Amino acid sequence: MFTKPTNENEIDNIIRTLNNCAPGPDSILSSILIENTAHFIQPLTHMLNSSLSQCIVPNEMEIAKIKR
């Protein structure tokens, strides 16, 4: 499988669409992600691109919480 690398603009756009999403396994609220995007967008983009290029996905990223 090949996935082209992402960029900071793409990640920023995705984060801004997270209105009232349930937190993941890390328990980080979407509002905190949205408010602090500028502080972590560069390392997050790097980590995601590294994960894709090495075909390694941490187990924690394969978990979803479903809330009603």
C-alpha atoms as a PDB file:
ATOM      1  CA  MET A   1       0.000   0.000   0.000  1.00  0.00           C
ATOM      2  CA  PHE A   2       1.258   3.482  -0.802  1.00  0.00           C
ATOM      3  CA  THR A   3      -0.052   6.655   0.774  1.00  0.00           C
ATOM      4  CA  LYS A   4       1.373  10.017  -0.179  1.00  0.00           C
ATOM      5  CA  PRO A   5       2.797  12.114   2.671  1.00  0.00           C
ATOM      6  CA  THR A   6       0.512  14.574   4.387  1.00  0.00           C
ATOM      7  CA  ASN A   7       1.285  18.191   5.221  1.00  0.00           C
ATOM      8  CA  GLU A   8       0.529  20.641   8.021  1.00  0.00           C
ATOM      9  CA  ASN A   9      -2.384  22.239   6.155  1.00  0.00           C
ATOM     10  CA  GLU A  10      -4.118  18.891   5.680  1.00  0.00           C
ATOM     11  CA  ILE A  11      -3.675  17.953   9.345  1.00  0.00           C
ATOM     12  CA  ASP A  12      -4.883  21.390  10.463  1.00  0.00           C
ATOM     13  CA  ASN A  13      -8.027  21.068   8.311  1.00  0.00           C
ATOM     14  CA  ILE A  14      -8.787  17.644   9.763  1.00  0.00           C
ATOM     15  CA  ILE A  15      -8.314  18.827  13.354  1.00  0.00           C
ATOM     16  CA  ARG A  16     -10.662  21.762  12.768  1.00  0.00           C
ATOM     17  CA  THR A  17     -13.446  19.360  11.729  1.00  0.00           C
ATOM     18  CA  LEU A  18     -13.374  17.525  15.089  1.00  0.00           C
ATOM     19  CA  ASN A  19     -16.366  19.352  16.610  1.00  0.00           C
ATOM     20  CA  ASN A  20     -17.455  17.513  19.770  1.00  0.00           C
ATOM     21  CA  CYS A  21     -15.693  14.282  18.855  1.00  0.00           C
ATOM     22  CA  ALA A  22     -15.188  11.747  21.607  1.00  0.00           C
ATOM     23  CA  PRO A  23     -11.610  11.647  22.912  1.00  0.00           C
ATOM     24  CA  GLY A  24      -9.427   8.735  21.831  1.00  0.00           C
ATOM     25  CA  PRO A  25      -7.439   6.388  24.041  1.00  0.00           C
ATOM     26  CA  ASP A  26      -5.276   9.346  25.108  1.00  0.00           C
ATOM     27  CA  SER A  27      -8.397  11.117  26.530  1.00  0.00           C
ATOM     28  CA  ILE A  28      -7.477  14.394  24.790  1.00  0.00           C
ATOM     29  CA  LEU A  29     -10.583  16.473  24.055  1.00  0.00           C
ATOM     30  CA  SER A  30     -11.047  17.783  20.519  1.00  0.00           C
ATOM     31  CA  SER A  31     -11.359  21.336  21.889  1.00  0.00           C
ATOM     32  CA  ILE A  32      -7.843  21.079  23.344  1.00  0.00           C
ATOM     33  CA  LEU A  33      -6.502  19.850  20.003  1.00  0.00           C
ATOM     34  CA  ILE A  34      -8.199  22.684  18.131  1.00  0.00           C
ATOM     35  CA  GLU A  35      -7.045  25.394  20.555  1.00  0.00           C
ATOM     36  CA  ASN A  36      -3.420  24.213  20.583  1.00  0.00           C
ATOM     37  CA  THR A  37      -2.865  23.086  17.006  1.00  0.00           C
ATOM     38  CA  ALA A  38      -0.110  25.647  16.378  1.00  0.00           C
ATOM     39  CA  HIS A  39       2.005  24.133  19.171  1.00  0.00           C
ATOM     40  CA  PHE A  40       2.079  20.565  17.885  1.00  0.00           C
ATOM     41  CA  ILE A  41       1.154  20.587  14.184  1.00  0.00           C
ATOM     42  CA  GLN A  42       4.753  20.218  12.953  1.00  0.00           C
ATOM     43  CA  PRO A  43       5.744  17.234  15.157  1.00  0.00           C
ATOM     44  CA  LEU A  44       2.343  15.591  14.608  1.00  0.00           C
ATOM     45  CA  THR A  45       2.735  15.849  10.833  1.00  0.00           C
ATOM     46  CA  HIS A  46       6.231  14.391  11.072  1.00  0.00           C
ATOM     47  CA  MET A  47       5.032  11.470  13.231  1.00  0.00           C
ATOM     48  CA  LEU A  48       2.145  10.683  10.896  1.00  0.00           C
ATOM     49  CA  ASN A  49       4.361  10.768   7.813  1.00  0.00           C
ATOM     50  CA  SER A  50       6.955   8.568   9.537  1.00  0.00           C
ATOM     51  CA  SER A  51       4.262   6.094  10.524  1.00  0.00           C
ATOM     52  CA  LEU A  52       2.941   5.943   6.954  1.00  0.00           C
ATOM     53  CA  SER A  53       6.366   5.644   5.306  1.00  0.00           C
ATOM     54  CA  GLN A  54       7.453   2.850   7.670  1.00  0.00           C
ATOM     55  CA  CYS A  55       4.073   1.063   7.577  1.00  0.00           C
ATOM     56  CA  ILE A  56       3.971   1.095  11.380  1.00  0.00           C
ATOM     57  CA  VAL A  57       0.772   2.009  13.188  1.00  0.00           C
ATOM     58  CA  PRO A  58       0.867   2.028  17.001  1.00  0.00           C
ATOM     59  CA  ASN A  59      -1.734  -0.272  18.555  1.00  0.00           C
ATOM     60  CA  GLU A  60      -3.260   2.702  20.374  1.00  0.00           C
ATOM     61  CA  MET A  61      -4.155   4.281  17.026  1.00  0.00           C
ATOM     62  CA  GLU A  62      -6.171   1.210  16.066  1.00  0.00           C
ATOM     63  CA  ILE A  63      -8.590   1.662  18.990  1.00  0.00           C
ATOM     64  CA  ALA A  64     -11.805   3.694  18.889  1.00  0.00           C
ATOM     65  CA  LYS A  65     -14.192   4.628  21.689  1.00  0.00           C
ATOM     66  CA  ILE A  66     -17.879   4.774  20.750  1.00  0.00           C
ATOM     67  CA  LYS A  67     -19.976   7.029  22.964  1.00  0.00           C
ATOM     68  CA  ARG A  68     -23.651   7.873  22.778  1.00  0.00           C
END
